[in-house]
Amino acid sequence: MPAPTPPTSAPRARAAKSASPARAERLSRLVKALQDGAVHSASDLARALGVSARTIWRDMDVLRAAGFSLSGTRGAGYRLTPTIQLPALHVTLAELEALHLALAILSEAADADLAQAAAGLASKIDDGLPEQAAMSAPHPRGFSLHPFASPSAAARHIPLLRAAIRERRVLRARLKQADGTRVTRLIHPQSIEYMGKLWRVIFWSVEDTTPMSLRVDQIDSLIDTGAAFGAPPQDG
């Protein structure tokens, strides 16, 4: 009678989900061998498991796709890097927006490792979004690392825009138009829309008394005039 299979972690379960029994057992042994933190060559792992180095290469791809944090390459050897398992988290749309913005900014980091870590985290969050939340979003699976031309440039405007919306303050904005030209306008910001891939500000232009919509990263500069505005003009 075969021995019972021990409980598996979530990544290990995903790795073995579509594998044959023999491959699932090999993947389990491979993970166990890598858990000592040392660097193992594909040839050493192949000898220990009785398979070819090419099989080990394929298994490493399977483990990476399943979510294991593996460092190394075919020529340099492999090691399993430490990971932290978090309990299930429930976040609001505003919290998801904040996380999205932070990851977008980190993706521009000069530190390549930090930028790569931001990309990996964004991918994991994307994969973990519940189907209902993904389908209800304007842009399903919306964790683009480049939601606008310059995340850090857009991020600096969001606090003032939020404050102006909340306190109904007039802002002087230098805006980049679709044709690339710049124009300065007095605006009444009404709302900021988070579209999963980008932020847009909806505002009234004092000069044109017309509603306008613009990506936040298309704002060059904002100045709080200190003046307050009333309700937007009504049609008719």
C-alpha atoms as a PDB file:
ATOM      1  CA  MET A   1       0.000   0.000   0.000  1.00  0.00           C
ATOM      2  CA  PRO A   2       1.600   3.319  -0.991  1.00  0.00           C
ATOM      3  CA  ALA A   3       2.566   5.737   1.749  1.00  0.00           C
ATOM      4  CA  PRO A   4       0.227   8.708   2.176  1.00  0.00           C
ATOM      5  CA  THR A   5       1.342  11.906   0.505  1.00  0.00           C
ATOM      6  CA  PRO A   6       2.174  14.650   3.022  1.00  0.00           C
ATOM      7  CA  PRO A   7       0.267  17.962   2.836  1.00  0.00           C
ATOM      8  CA  THR A   8       1.733  20.328   0.280  1.00  0.00           C
ATOM      9  CA  SER A   9       2.137  24.072   0.285  1.00  0.00           C
ATOM     10  CA  ALA A  10       0.144  26.107  -2.261  1.00  0.00           C
ATOM     11  CA  PRO A  11       3.057  26.504  -4.742  1.00  0.00           C
ATOM     12  CA  ARG A  12       3.947  22.819  -4.494  1.00  0.00           C
ATOM     13  CA  ALA A  13       0.330  21.853  -5.047  1.00  0.00           C
ATOM     14  CA  ARG A  14       0.169  24.000  -8.170  1.00  0.00           C
ATOM     15  CA  ALA A  15       3.406  22.485  -9.473  1.00  0.00           C
ATOM     16  CA  ALA A  16       2.114  18.967  -9.027  1.00  0.00           C
ATOM     17  CA  LYS A  17      -1.440  19.656 -10.154  1.00  0.00           C
ATOM     18  CA  SER A  18      -0.967  18.630 -13.776  1.00  0.00           C
ATOM     19  CA  ALA A  19       2.112  16.441 -13.320  1.00  0.00           C
ATOM     20  CA  SER A  20       2.253  12.668 -13.461  1.00  0.00           C
ATOM     21  CA  PRO A  21       2.715  10.850 -10.113  1.00  0.00           C
ATOM     22  CA  ALA A  22       6.391  10.193 -10.901  1.00  0.00           C
ATOM     23  CA  ARG A  23       7.010  13.819 -11.835  1.00  0.00           C
ATOM     24  CA  ALA A  24       5.108  15.118  -8.812  1.00  0.00           C
ATOM     25  CA  GLU A  25       7.295  12.988  -6.544  1.00  0.00           C
ATOM     26  CA  ARG A  26      10.425  14.217  -8.316  1.00  0.00           C
ATOM     27  CA  LEU A  27       9.357  17.852  -7.945  1.00  0.00           C
ATOM     28  CA  SER A  28       8.744  17.265  -4.251  1.00  0.00           C
ATOM     29  CA  ARG A  29      12.219  15.765  -3.844  1.00  0.00           C
ATOM     30  CA  LEU A  30      13.729  18.574  -5.896  1.00  0.00           C
ATOM     31  CA  VAL A  31      12.199  21.228  -3.646  1.00  0.00           C
ATOM     32  CA  LYS A  32      13.423  19.377  -0.562  1.00  0.00           C
ATOM     33  CA  ALA A  33      16.963  19.240  -1.981  1.00  0.00           C
ATOM     34  CA  LEU A  34      16.929  22.978  -2.687  1.00  0.00           C
ATOM     35  CA  GLN A  35      15.671  23.976   0.759  1.00  0.00           C
ATOM     36  CA  ASP A  36      19.159  23.839   2.322  1.00  0.00           C
ATOM     37  CA  GLY A  37      19.917  27.269   0.836  1.00  0.00           C
ATOM     38  CA  ALA A  38      22.986  26.042  -1.050  1.00  0.00           C
ATOM     39  CA  VAL A  39      23.593  26.398  -4.781  1.00  0.00           C
ATOM     40  CA  HIS A  40      23.067  23.124  -6.646  1.00  0.00           C
ATOM     41  CA  SER A  41      24.114  22.471 -10.219  1.00  0.00           C
ATOM     42  CA  ALA A  42      21.669  20.838 -12.603  1.00  0.00           C
ATOM     43  CA  SER A  43      24.078  17.929 -13.095  1.00  0.00           C
ATOM     44  CA  ASP A  44      24.301  17.256  -9.347  1.00  0.00           C
ATOM     45  CA  LEU A  45      20.521  17.371  -8.999  1.00  0.00           C
ATOM     46  CA  ALA A  46      20.124  15.135 -12.031  1.00  0.00           C
ATOM     47  CA  ARG A  47      22.444  12.497 -10.552  1.00  0.00           C
ATOM     48  CA  ALA A  48      20.669  12.626  -7.196  1.00  0.00           C
ATOM     49  CA  LEU A  49      17.255  12.179  -8.800  1.00  0.00           C
ATOM     50  CA  GLY A  50      18.283   9.771 -11.554  1.00  0.00           C
ATOM     51  CA  VAL A  51      17.240  11.995 -14.465  1.00  0.00           C
ATOM     52  CA  SER A  52      18.960  14.100 -17.114  1.00  0.00           C
ATOM     53  CA  ALA A  53      20.083  17.690 -16.673  1.00  0.00           C
ATOM     54  CA  ARG A  54      17.572  18.678 -19.360  1.00  0.00           C
ATOM     55  CA  THR A  55      14.788  17.250 -17.177  1.00  0.00           C
ATOM     56  CA  ILE A  56      16.035  19.328 -14.249  1.00  0.00           C
ATOM     57  CA  TRP A  57      15.946  22.453 -16.432  1.00  0.00           C
ATOM     58  CA  ARG A  58      12.334  21.740 -17.352  1.00  0.00           C
ATOM     59  CA  ASP A  59      11.465  21.074 -13.705  1.00  0.00           C
ATOM     60  CA  MET A  60      12.958  24.414 -12.690  1.00  0.00           C
ATOM     61  CA  ASP A  61      10.692  26.150 -15.197  1.00  0.00           C
ATOM     62  CA  VAL A  62       7.713  24.306 -13.707  1.00  0.00           C
ATOM     63  CA  LEU A  63       8.645  25.351 -10.172  1.00  0.00           C
ATOM     64  CA  ARG A  64       9.123  28.980 -11.185  1.00  0.00           C
ATOM     65  CA  ALA A  65       5.738  29.002 -12.934  1.00  0.00           C
ATOM     66  CA  ALA A  66       4.197  27.555  -9.777  1.00  0.00           C
ATOM     67  CA  GLY A  67       5.459  30.469  -7.689  1.00  0.00           C
ATOM     68  CA  PHE A  68       8.656  29.143  -6.126  1.00  0.00           C
ATOM     69  CA  SER A  69      11.337  31.778  -5.610  1.00  0.00           C
ATOM     70  CA  LEU A  70      14.297  30.284  -7.461  1.00  0.00           C
ATOM     71  CA  SER A  71      17.534  32.075  -8.221  1.00  0.00           C
ATOM     72  CA  GLY A  72      20.184  30.898 -10.634  1.00  0.00           C
ATOM     73  CA  THR A  73      20.560  29.780 -14.233  1.00  0.00           C
ATOM     74  CA  ARG A  74      21.455  26.625 -16.129  1.00  0.00           C
ATOM     75  CA  GLY A  75      25.175  27.304 -16.005  1.00  0.00           C
ATOM     76  CA  ALA A  76      25.452  28.819 -12.525  1.00  0.00           C
ATOM     77  CA  GLY A  77      23.316  26.429 -10.500  1.00  0.00           C
ATOM     78  CA  TYR A  78      20.094  26.904  -8.567  1.00  0.00           C
ATOM     79  CA  ARG A  79      19.019  27.764  -5.062  1.00  0.00           C
ATOM     80  CA  LEU A  80      15.656  28.294  -3.395  1.00  0.00           C
ATOM     81  CA  THR A  81      15.520  31.760  -1.870  1.00  0.00           C
ATOM     82  CA  PRO A  82      13.614  32.366   1.372  1.00  0.00           C
ATOM     83  CA  THR A  83       9.980  33.386   1.003  1.00  0.00           C
ATOM     84  CA  ILE A  84       7.378  34.733   3.380  1.00  0.00           C
ATOM     85  CA  GLN A  85       3.858  33.370   3.292  1.00  0.00           C
ATOM     86  CA  LEU A  86       1.239  35.974   4.182  1.00  0.00           C
ATOM     87  CA  PRO A  87      -2.254  35.196   5.416  1.00  0.00           C
ATOM     88  CA  ALA A  88      -5.166  36.074   3.158  1.00  0.00           C
ATOM     89  CA  LEU A  89      -5.654  39.837   3.024  1.00  0.00           C
ATOM     90  CA  HIS A  90      -8.858  41.739   2.275  1.00  0.00           C
ATOM     91  CA  VAL A  91      -8.219  45.128   0.710  1.00  0.00           C
ATOM     92  CA  THR A  92     -10.447  47.960  -0.438  1.00  0.00           C
ATOM     93  CA  LEU A  93     -10.290  49.431  -3.921  1.00  0.00           C
ATOM     94  CA  ALA A  94      -8.522  52.487  -2.450  1.00  0.00           C
ATOM     95  CA  GLU A  95      -5.897  50.237  -0.846  1.00  0.00           C
ATOM     96  CA  LEU A  96      -5.442  48.357  -4.113  1.00  0.00           C
ATOM     97  CA  GLU A  97      -5.038  51.693  -5.888  1.00  0.00           C
ATOM     98  CA  ALA A  98      -2.364  52.761  -3.381  1.00  0.00           C
ATOM     99  CA  LEU A  99      -0.483  49.498  -3.854  1.00  0.00           C
ATOM    100  CA  HIS A 100      -0.723  49.797  -7.631  1.00  0.00           C
ATOM    101  CA  LEU A 101       0.711  53.321  -7.525  1.00  0.00           C
ATOM    102  CA  ALA A 102       3.573  52.262  -5.238  1.00  0.00           C
ATOM    103  CA  LEU A 103       4.510  49.368  -7.524  1.00  0.00           C
ATOM    104  CA  ALA A 104       4.352  51.618 -10.582  1.00  0.00           C
ATOM    105  CA  ILE A 105       6.801  54.031  -8.941  1.00  0.00           C
ATOM    106  CA  LEU A 106       9.113  51.230  -7.817  1.00  0.00           C
ATOM    107  CA  SER A 107       9.186  49.881 -11.363  1.00  0.00           C
ATOM    108  CA  GLU A 108      11.170  53.022 -12.258  1.00  0.00           C
ATOM    109  CA  ALA A 109      13.757  52.442  -9.526  1.00  0.00           C
ATOM    110  CA  ALA A 110      17.399  52.685 -10.539  1.00  0.00           C
ATOM    111  CA  ASP A 111      17.999  49.535  -8.491  1.00  0.00           C
ATOM    112  CA  ALA A 112      17.350  46.735 -10.988  1.00  0.00           C
ATOM    113  CA  ASP A 113      16.699  44.181  -8.231  1.00  0.00           C
ATOM    114  CA  LEU A 114      14.092  46.428  -6.640  1.00  0.00           C
ATOM    115  CA  ALA A 115      12.394  47.064  -9.974  1.00  0.00           C
ATOM    116  CA  GLN A 116      12.355  43.332 -10.675  1.00  0.00           C
ATOM    117  CA  ALA A 117      10.895  42.637  -7.235  1.00  0.00           C
ATOM    118  CA  ALA A 118       8.128  45.169  -7.926  1.00  0.00           C
ATOM    119  CA  ALA A 119       7.355  43.394 -11.194  1.00  0.00           C
ATOM    120  CA  GLY A 120       7.213  40.028  -9.444  1.00  0.00           C
ATOM    121  CA  LEU A 121       4.927  41.327  -6.706  1.00  0.00           C
ATOM    122  CA  ALA A 122       2.627  42.967  -9.241  1.00  0.00           C
ATOM    123  CA  SER A 123       2.359  39.674 -11.112  1.00  0.00           C
ATOM    124  CA  LYS A 124       1.534  37.747  -7.934  1.00  0.00           C
ATOM    125  CA  ILE A 125      -1.142  40.247  -6.931  1.00  0.00           C
ATOM    126  CA  ASP A 126      -2.577  40.133 -10.447  1.00  0.00           C
ATOM    127  CA  ASP A 127      -2.761  36.350 -10.324  1.00  0.00           C
ATOM    128  CA  GLY A 128      -4.360  36.452  -6.880  1.00  0.00           C
ATOM    129  CA  LEU A 129      -7.197  38.831  -7.742  1.00  0.00           C
ATOM    130  CA  PRO A 130     -10.556  37.095  -7.312  1.00  0.00           C
ATOM    131  CA  GLU A 131     -12.404  36.521 -10.556  1.00  0.00           C
ATOM    132  CA  GLN A 132     -15.313  38.721  -9.494  1.00  0.00           C
ATOM    133  CA  ALA A 133     -13.038  41.667  -8.748  1.00  0.00           C
ATOM    134  CA  ALA A 134     -11.145  41.159 -11.994  1.00  0.00           C
ATOM    135  CA  MET A 135     -14.330  41.042 -14.069  1.00  0.00           C
ATOM    136  CA  SER A 136     -15.877  44.090 -12.379  1.00  0.00           C
ATOM    137  CA  ALA A 137     -12.841  46.285 -12.966  1.00  0.00           C
ATOM    138  CA  PRO A 138     -12.895  48.623 -15.980  1.00  0.00           C
ATOM    139  CA  HIS A 139      -9.667  46.960 -17.080  1.00  0.00           C
ATOM    140  CA  PRO A 140      -9.572  43.353 -15.797  1.00  0.00           C
ATOM    141  CA  ARG A 141      -6.204  42.237 -14.499  1.00  0.00           C
ATOM    142  CA  GLY A 142      -5.147  45.861 -14.452  1.00  0.00           C
ATOM    143  CA  PHE A 143      -1.728  45.711 -12.774  1.00  0.00           C
ATOM    144  CA  SER A 144       0.229  47.271 -15.582  1.00  0.00           C
ATOM    145  CA  LEU A 145       3.637  48.390 -14.316  1.00  0.00           C
ATOM    146  CA  HIS A 146       3.469  51.422 -16.585  1.00  0.00           C
ATOM    147  CA  PRO A 147      -0.043  52.833 -16.097  1.00  0.00           C
ATOM    148  CA  PHE A 148       1.196  56.157 -17.386  1.00  0.00           C
ATOM    149  CA  ALA A 149       4.299  57.625 -18.978  1.00  0.00           C
ATOM    150  CA  SER A 150       5.914  58.498 -15.638  1.00  0.00           C
ATOM    151  CA  PRO A 151       4.396  57.022 -12.467  1.00  0.00           C
ATOM    152  CA  SER A 152       6.552  59.109 -10.136  1.00  0.00           C
ATOM    153  CA  ALA A 153       5.632  62.299 -12.019  1.00  0.00           C
ATOM    154  CA  ALA A 154       1.926  61.549 -11.705  1.00  0.00           C
ATOM    155  CA  ALA A 155       2.196  60.488  -8.067  1.00  0.00           C
ATOM    156  CA  ARG A 156       3.321  63.924  -6.917  1.00  0.00           C
ATOM    157  CA  HIS A 157       0.078  65.522  -8.187  1.00  0.00           C
ATOM    158  CA  ILE A 158      -2.411  63.118  -6.611  1.00  0.00           C
ATOM    159  CA  PRO A 159      -2.312  64.507  -3.021  1.00  0.00           C
ATOM    160  CA  LEU A 160      -3.031  68.082  -4.166  1.00  0.00           C
ATOM    161  CA  LEU A 161      -5.736  66.923  -6.559  1.00  0.00           C
ATOM    162  CA  ARG A 162      -7.444  64.931  -3.794  1.00  0.00           C
ATOM    163  CA  ALA A 163      -7.266  67.863  -1.413  1.00  0.00           C
ATOM    164  CA  ALA A 164      -8.640  70.265  -4.034  1.00  0.00           C
ATOM    165  CA  ILE A 165     -11.535  67.918  -4.799  1.00  0.00           C
ATOM    166  CA  ARG A 166     -12.327  67.517  -1.116  1.00  0.00           C
ATOM    167  CA  GLU A 167     -12.061  71.243  -0.276  1.00  0.00           C
ATOM    168  CA  ARG A 168     -13.345  72.548  -3.644  1.00  0.00           C
ATOM    169  CA  ARG A 169     -10.256  74.633  -4.398  1.00  0.00           C
ATOM    170  CA  VAL A 170      -9.257  76.184  -7.708  1.00  0.00           C
ATOM    171  CA  LEU A 171      -5.937  75.013  -9.114  1.00  0.00           C
ATOM    172  CA  ARG A 172      -3.695  76.566 -11.725  1.00  0.00           C
ATOM    173  CA  ALA A 173      -2.558  73.704 -13.936  1.00  0.00           C
ATOM    174  CA  ARG A 174      -0.039  73.516 -16.734  1.00  0.00           C
ATOM    175  CA  LEU A 175      -1.330  70.742 -18.986  1.00  0.00           C
ATOM    176  CA  LYS A 176       0.136  68.767 -21.842  1.00  0.00           C
ATOM    177  CA  GLN A 177      -2.383  68.539 -24.666  1.00  0.00           C
ATOM    178  CA  ALA A 178      -2.857  65.705 -27.151  1.00  0.00           C
ATOM    179  CA  ASP A 179      -0.772  67.512 -29.813  1.00  0.00           C
ATOM    180  CA  GLY A 180       2.134  67.940 -27.388  1.00  0.00           C
ATOM    181  CA  THR A 181       1.612  71.647 -26.737  1.00  0.00           C
ATOM    182  CA  ARG A 182       1.297  73.049 -23.204  1.00  0.00           C
ATOM    183  CA  VAL A 183      -1.485  75.251 -21.913  1.00  0.00           C
ATOM    184  CA  THR A 184      -2.125  76.846 -18.524  1.00  0.00           C
ATOM    185  CA  ARG A 185      -5.671  76.726 -17.161  1.00  0.00           C
ATOM    186  CA  LEU A 186      -7.568  77.439 -13.978  1.00  0.00           C
ATOM    187  CA  ILE A 187      -9.374  74.213 -13.162  1.00  0.00           C
ATOM    188  CA  HIS A 188     -12.039  72.942 -10.779  1.00  0.00           C
ATOM    189  CA  PRO A 189     -11.074  69.285 -10.166  1.00  0.00           C
ATOM    190  CA  GLN A 190     -14.162  67.120  -9.674  1.00  0.00           C
ATOM    191  CA  SER A 191     -12.902  63.563  -9.312  1.00  0.00           C
ATOM    192  CA  ILE A 192     -10.033  61.185  -9.947  1.00  0.00           C
ATOM    193  CA  GLU A 193     -10.887  57.985 -11.755  1.00  0.00           C
ATOM    194  CA  TYR A 194      -8.786  54.908 -11.153  1.00  0.00           C
ATOM    195  CA  MET A 195      -9.107  52.787 -14.285  1.00  0.00           C
ATOM    196  CA  GLY A 196      -6.855  49.910 -13.265  1.00  0.00           C
ATOM    197  CA  LYS A 197      -4.182  50.944 -15.760  1.00  0.00           C
ATOM    198  CA  LEU A 198      -4.188  54.701 -15.242  1.00  0.00           C
ATOM    199  CA  TRP A 199      -5.501  57.645 -13.263  1.00  0.00           C
ATOM    200  CA  ARG A 200      -7.583  60.358 -14.917  1.00  0.00           C
ATOM    201  CA  VAL A 201      -8.716  63.617 -13.397  1.00  0.00           C
ATOM    202  CA  ILE A 202     -12.136  65.022 -14.330  1.00  0.00           C
ATOM    203  CA  PHE A 203     -12.258  68.815 -14.058  1.00  0.00           C
ATOM    204  CA  TRP A 204     -13.994  71.979 -15.211  1.00  0.00           C
ATOM    205  CA  SER A 205     -11.952  74.594 -17.027  1.00  0.00           C
ATOM    206  CA  VAL A 206     -12.689  78.110 -15.803  1.00  0.00           C
ATOM    207  CA  GLU A 207     -11.845  79.586 -19.212  1.00  0.00           C
ATOM    208  CA  ASP A 208     -14.026  77.238 -21.245  1.00  0.00           C
ATOM    209  CA  THR A 209     -16.619  76.248 -18.605  1.00  0.00           C
ATOM    210  CA  THR A 210     -16.520  72.775 -20.130  1.00  0.00           C
ATOM    211  CA  PRO A 211     -15.860  69.411 -18.502  1.00  0.00           C
ATOM    212  CA  MET A 212     -12.533  67.856 -19.406  1.00  0.00           C
ATOM    213  CA  SER A 213     -10.690  64.628 -18.696  1.00  0.00           C
ATOM    214  CA  LEU A 214      -6.939  64.185 -18.611  1.00  0.00           C
ATOM    215  CA  ARG A 215      -4.416  61.555 -17.510  1.00  0.00           C
ATOM    216  CA  VAL A 216      -2.749  62.682 -14.311  1.00  0.00           C
ATOM    217  CA  ASP A 217       0.721  62.187 -15.794  1.00  0.00           C
ATOM    218  CA  GLN A 218      -0.134  64.792 -18.467  1.00  0.00           C
ATOM    219  CA  ILE A 219      -0.099  67.510 -15.803  1.00  0.00           C
ATOM    220  CA  ASP A 220       3.242  69.334 -15.761  1.00  0.00           C
ATOM    221  CA  SER A 221       2.562  71.423 -12.669  1.00  0.00           C
ATOM    222  CA  LEU A 222      -0.196  72.335 -10.208  1.00  0.00           C
ATOM    223  CA  ILE A 223      -0.531  75.412  -7.991  1.00  0.00           C
ATOM    224  CA  ASP A 224      -3.185  75.910  -5.330  1.00  0.00           C
ATOM    225  CA  THR A 225      -4.656  79.381  -5.922  1.00  0.00           C
ATOM    226  CA  GLY A 226      -6.364  79.456  -2.522  1.00  0.00           C
ATOM    227  CA  ALA A 227      -9.680  80.317  -4.165  1.00  0.00           C
ATOM    228  CA  ALA A 228     -12.763  78.156  -3.738  1.00  0.00           C
ATOM    229  CA  PHE A 229     -15.191  77.122  -6.453  1.00  0.00           C
ATOM    230  CA  GLY A 230     -18.904  76.386  -6.370  1.00  0.00           C
ATOM    231  CA  ALA A 231     -21.034  73.872  -8.230  1.00  0.00           C
ATOM    232  CA  PRO A 232     -20.159  73.238 -11.902  1.00  0.00           C
ATOM    233  CA  PRO A 233     -22.300  74.965 -14.542  1.00  0.00           C
ATOM    234  CA  GLN A 234     -25.556  73.202 -15.382  1.00  0.00           C
ATOM    235  CA  ASP A 235     -26.641  72.442 -18.946  1.00  0.00           C
ATOM    236  CA  GLY A 236     -29.539  74.434 -20.326  1.00  0.00           C
END
